[in-house]
Amino acid sequence: MHTESSFKTLLRKLERNAATSVKTTEETLCNDQERFSAF
């Protein structure tokens, strides 16, 4: 089925975007902690 495959592709794309945003958030938090520990 075409709709099912495109739906799975969309899900995979969303998962990748979510993983990327989580990684970015973790990096931001680490940078903030380093900035705070510098004080």
N, C-alpha and C. Protein backbone atom coordinates (compact mmCIF):
# COMPACT_ATOMS: atom_id res chain seq x y z
N MET A 1 0.83 -1.20 0.00
CA MET A 1 0.00 0.00 0.00
C MET A 1 0.86 1.26 0.00
N HIS A 2 0.51 2.18 -0.85
CA HIS A 2 1.32 3.39 -0.98
C HIS A 2 1.17 4.27 0.27
N THR A 3 -0.04 4.43 0.76
CA THR A 3 -0.25 5.32 1.89
C THR A 3 0.49 4.81 3.12
N GLU A 4 0.55 3.49 3.30
CA GLU A 4 1.23 2.95 4.48
C GLU A 4 2.72 3.23 4.42
N SER A 5 3.33 3.06 3.24
CA SER A 5 4.77 3.28 3.13
C SER A 5 5.11 4.76 3.33
N SER A 6 4.29 5.65 2.78
CA SER A 6 4.56 7.08 2.96
C SER A 6 4.33 7.48 4.41
N PHE A 7 3.40 6.79 5.06
CA PHE A 7 3.16 7.08 6.48
C PHE A 7 4.37 6.65 7.31
N LYS A 8 4.94 5.49 6.96
CA LYS A 8 6.12 5.03 7.70
C LYS A 8 7.30 5.96 7.44
N THR A 9 7.41 6.46 6.22
CA THR A 9 8.48 7.40 5.91
C THR A 9 8.32 8.67 6.72
N LEU A 10 7.08 9.13 6.84
CA LEU A 10 6.81 10.33 7.63
C LEU A 10 7.16 10.09 9.10
N LEU A 11 6.80 8.92 9.61
CA LEU A 11 7.13 8.60 11.00
C LEU A 11 8.63 8.59 11.21
N ARG A 12 9.35 7.98 10.28
CA ARG A 12 10.81 7.92 10.40
C ARG A 12 11.39 9.33 10.40
N LYS A 13 10.83 10.20 9.55
CA LYS A 13 11.31 11.57 9.49
C LYS A 13 11.05 12.29 10.81
N LEU A 14 9.87 12.06 11.39
CA LEU A 14 9.53 12.69 12.67
C LEU A 14 10.45 12.19 13.77
N GLU A 15 10.73 10.88 13.76
CA GLU A 15 11.62 10.32 14.78
C GLU A 15 13.01 10.94 14.68
N ARG A 16 13.49 11.10 13.45
CA ARG A 16 14.82 11.67 13.26
C ARG A 16 14.83 13.12 13.75
N ASN A 17 13.77 13.87 13.43
CA ASN A 17 13.70 15.27 13.88
C ASN A 17 13.64 15.33 15.40
N ALA A 18 12.89 14.43 16.01
CA ALA A 18 12.78 14.42 17.47
C ALA A 18 14.14 14.12 18.09
N ALA A 19 14.84 13.13 17.55
CA ALA A 19 16.16 12.78 18.08
C ALA A 19 17.12 13.95 17.94
N THR A 20 17.04 14.65 16.83
CA THR A 20 17.93 15.80 16.62
C THR A 20 17.64 16.90 17.61
N SER A 21 16.35 17.19 17.83
CA SER A 21 16.01 18.26 18.76
C SER A 21 16.38 17.88 20.18
N VAL A 22 16.26 16.60 20.53
CA VAL A 22 16.66 16.16 21.87
C VAL A 22 18.16 16.34 22.05
N LYS A 23 18.92 15.96 21.03
CA LYS A 23 20.38 16.10 21.11
C LYS A 23 20.75 17.58 21.26
N THR A 24 20.07 18.44 20.50
CA THR A 24 20.35 19.87 20.59
C THR A 24 20.03 20.40 21.97
N THR A 25 18.92 19.93 22.54
CA THR A 25 18.53 20.38 23.88
C THR A 25 19.56 19.93 24.90
N GLU A 26 20.04 18.68 24.78
CA GLU A 26 21.04 18.19 25.72
C GLU A 26 22.32 19.01 25.62
N GLU A 27 22.73 19.34 24.40
CA GLU A 27 23.95 20.14 24.23
C GLU A 27 23.76 21.52 24.84
N THR A 28 22.58 22.09 24.67
CA THR A 28 22.31 23.42 25.24
C THR A 28 22.37 23.35 26.75
N LEU A 29 21.79 22.29 27.33
CA LEU A 29 21.81 22.16 28.79
C LEU A 29 23.24 21.99 29.29
N CYS A 30 24.05 21.22 28.59
CA CYS A 30 25.45 21.03 29.00
C CYS A 30 26.19 22.36 28.93
N ASN A 31 25.95 23.12 27.88
CA ASN A 31 26.61 24.42 27.76
C ASN A 31 26.18 25.35 28.89
N ASP A 32 24.90 25.30 29.24
CA ASP A 32 24.42 26.15 30.34
C ASP A 32 25.08 25.74 31.65
N GLN A 33 25.21 24.44 31.88
CA GLN A 33 25.84 23.98 33.13
C GLN A 33 27.30 24.42 33.18
N GLU A 34 27.99 24.35 32.07
CA GLU A 34 29.38 24.80 32.05
C GLU A 34 29.46 26.29 32.32
N ARG A 35 28.51 27.04 31.79
CA ARG A 35 28.50 28.49 31.99
C ARG A 35 28.25 28.81 33.46
N PHE A 36 27.32 28.04 34.08
CA PHE A 36 27.02 28.30 35.49
C PHE A 36 28.18 27.88 36.39
N SER A 37 28.83 26.77 36.05
CA SER A 37 29.92 26.31 36.91
C SER A 37 31.14 27.22 36.79
N ALA A 38 31.16 28.05 35.76
CA ALA A 38 32.28 28.99 35.60
C ALA A 38 32.22 30.09 36.64
N PHE A 39 31.04 30.37 37.16
CA PHE A 39 30.90 31.44 38.15
C PHE A 39 31.47 31.04 39.49
